[in-house]
Amino acid sequence: MRDRLHRQVIATLSDGTADYANPSGSPVASGVTVMIDRNLERAGADGMFVSIPLAITWRKAELAEVARGGTFTLGATSYIVEQPVSDDGHMITAACMEAP
């Protein structure tokens, strides 16, 4: 039931599908449904709020992990992974920056 809820949420709020390549440029996954969020704030481990200018979220079932320097490509825009910031076992969020 939880997987169905996550599929429904991401289908409703998604910004489209992206391809992911690892830091060396090799393709890892294609057609990953993603949500792109800007200007997020999250509570860090020490209770301080951390500002994340751009984050990408996807279902872990579609892409199990990403690495710093990996690239999501959505249409003509690429996003470089800075670091994963959240993984609840079902959804993963990574802080990213738009590639120049």
Protein backbone atom coordinates (compact mmCIF):
# COMPACT_ATOMS: atom_id res chain seq x y z
CA MET A 1 0.00 0.00 0.00
CA ARG A 2 2.87 2.37 0.81
CA ASP A 3 4.46 1.77 -2.61
CA ARG A 4 1.16 2.61 -4.29
CA LEU A 5 0.98 5.85 -2.27
CA HIS A 6 4.54 6.81 -3.26
CA ARG A 7 3.86 6.04 -6.94
CA GLN A 8 0.72 8.20 -6.79
CA VAL A 9 2.50 11.09 -5.07
CA ILE A 10 5.43 11.12 -7.46
CA ALA A 11 3.14 10.79 -10.49
CA THR A 12 1.09 13.76 -9.29
CA LEU A 13 3.98 16.01 -8.26
CA SER A 14 6.65 14.94 -10.74
CA ASP A 15 8.55 17.29 -13.00
CA GLY A 16 9.11 14.54 -15.56
CA THR A 17 11.48 11.65 -16.14
CA ALA A 18 15.24 11.89 -16.00
CA ASP A 19 18.22 9.78 -16.96
CA TYR A 20 20.99 9.25 -14.43
CA ALA A 21 24.68 8.73 -15.23
CA ASN A 22 27.36 7.94 -12.65
CA PRO A 23 30.30 10.31 -12.04
CA SER A 24 32.32 8.73 -14.87
CA GLY A 25 29.45 9.40 -17.29
CA SER A 26 28.22 5.83 -17.71
CA PRO A 27 24.42 5.50 -17.92
CA VAL A 28 22.88 3.87 -14.85
CA ALA A 29 19.11 4.43 -15.17
CA SER A 30 16.71 6.03 -17.59
CA GLY A 31 13.13 7.17 -17.23
CA VAL A 32 13.38 7.84 -13.49
CA THR A 33 10.37 9.91 -12.40
CA VAL A 34 11.70 12.88 -10.41
CA MET A 35 10.48 15.85 -8.41
CA ILE A 36 12.65 18.97 -8.46
CA ASP A 37 12.39 21.29 -5.48
CA ARG A 38 14.06 24.63 -4.97
CA ASN A 39 14.94 26.44 -1.76
CA LEU A 40 14.38 23.60 0.71
CA GLU A 41 15.16 23.82 4.39
CA ARG A 42 15.76 20.70 6.45
CA ALA A 43 16.64 20.17 10.07
CA GLY A 44 20.17 18.84 10.32
CA ALA A 45 21.47 16.29 12.81
CA ASP A 46 22.44 19.03 15.28
CA GLY A 47 19.01 20.69 15.09
CA MET A 48 20.25 23.51 12.87
CA PHE A 49 18.35 24.21 9.67
CA VAL A 50 20.21 23.45 6.46
CA SER A 51 19.30 25.31 3.28
CA ILE A 52 19.31 23.32 0.03
CA PRO A 53 19.02 25.50 -3.09
CA LEU A 54 17.99 22.61 -5.41
CA ALA A 55 17.01 19.02 -4.62
CA ILE A 56 15.82 16.07 -6.67
CA THR A 57 13.61 13.35 -5.18
CA TRP A 58 12.75 9.96 -6.70
CA ARG A 59 11.50 6.50 -5.74
CA LYS A 60 14.26 4.19 -4.51
CA ALA A 61 12.68 1.35 -6.52
CA GLU A 62 13.57 3.26 -9.71
CA LEU A 63 17.14 4.20 -8.72
CA ALA A 64 18.69 2.68 -5.59
CA GLU A 65 21.54 5.16 -5.07
CA VAL A 66 23.47 8.06 -6.54
CA ALA A 67 26.99 9.34 -6.05
CA ARG A 68 28.52 12.79 -5.74
CA GLY A 69 29.28 13.99 -9.26
CA GLY A 70 26.59 11.84 -10.90
CA THR A 71 24.27 13.61 -13.32
CA PHE A 72 20.52 13.69 -13.80
CA THR A 73 19.42 14.84 -17.25
CA LEU A 74 15.88 16.09 -17.66
CA GLY A 75 15.20 17.37 -21.16
CA ALA A 76 17.93 19.83 -22.07
CA THR A 77 18.92 20.49 -18.44
CA SER A 78 21.47 18.56 -16.39
CA TYR A 79 21.76 18.49 -12.61
CA ILE A 80 24.94 17.41 -10.83
CA VAL A 81 24.55 15.50 -7.55
CA GLU A 82 26.29 17.21 -4.63
CA GLN A 83 25.21 14.72 -1.97
CA PRO A 84 22.31 12.51 -0.94
CA VAL A 85 20.44 14.19 1.92
CA SER A 86 17.58 11.82 2.68
CA ASP A 87 16.76 8.14 2.20
CA ASP A 88 13.78 6.69 4.07
CA GLY A 89 14.00 3.37 2.26
CA HIS A 90 11.29 4.36 -0.24
CA MET A 91 12.15 7.87 -1.45
CA ILE A 92 15.60 9.43 -1.88
CA THR A 93 16.45 13.11 -2.03
CA ALA A 94 19.78 14.48 -3.24
CA ALA A 95 21.09 18.03 -3.12
CA CYS A 96 22.04 19.01 -6.66
CA MET A 97 23.21 21.97 -8.68
CA GLU A 98 22.25 22.89 -12.20
CA ALA A 99 25.06 22.15 -14.65
CA PRO A 100 26.41 25.19 -16.51
